[in-house]
Amino acid sequence: MSRQTKKKIGRWLNSLSTGILFAVLIAFMLVVISAKASGGEPQVFGYQFKTVLSGSMEPDIKTGSLIAVESIKDANGLTKGDVITFKKDENMLVTHRIIEVVKNESGVSYRTKGDNNDGPDLKPVPSENVVATYTGFTIPYVGYFINFAQSKNGALLLLIPGFLLLCYSGITIWRALKEIDSKSSNKMEA
């Protein structure tokens, strides 16, 4: 392979790695800003992403997974077997499977159970407490990352790719200076 071809490949790899680092920086920035702005999990194309913090739905949904849920306006039409996300109390969301639909004069409620739990949840879930349905989309372990992004230390995620980009820029500048020095010493010798 000629020296010129090696230089072209080197420049191409240089540009590619700079682009990847910059894209990672932008992606991390969007995740952190989205998490901070929404006060919760980020939203993409109308889907909310929730972090699973317990093993109640294993093996299908592992602890630390990121799941996609779709907001629901009217929760009266859900059926047995649907996986729903509901408000257990003011500050706690739970994702469990409907095992029974209960209809009475006060409205519709759902008996739920985590797939990995021994028994059903103690209280039926009123339809007004259902906030979303599970779409079936899960990314294992990414929830830990999102959970960290929402924490007070989440801004550190912006520093990591930024630091890598700075280091890479420093190496690129050092190589360019080294090449300039070698060209000037070659001219002086000639």
Foldseek 3Di string as FASTA:
>chain_A
DDPVVVVVVVVVVLVVVLVVLVVQLVVLVVLLVQCQVVVHAHDDPQWGWHAAQDCLQPPLAHHQKIFTWHFDDFQQPDDFQWWFWFDPDDPDIDTFGFHDWDQDPVGIWTWTGRPNDPDIDPDTGGSVGTTTTTPSDMDHNCSVLSVCSNDPNNCVSSVVSVVVSVVSVVVVVVVVVVVVVVVVVVVVVD
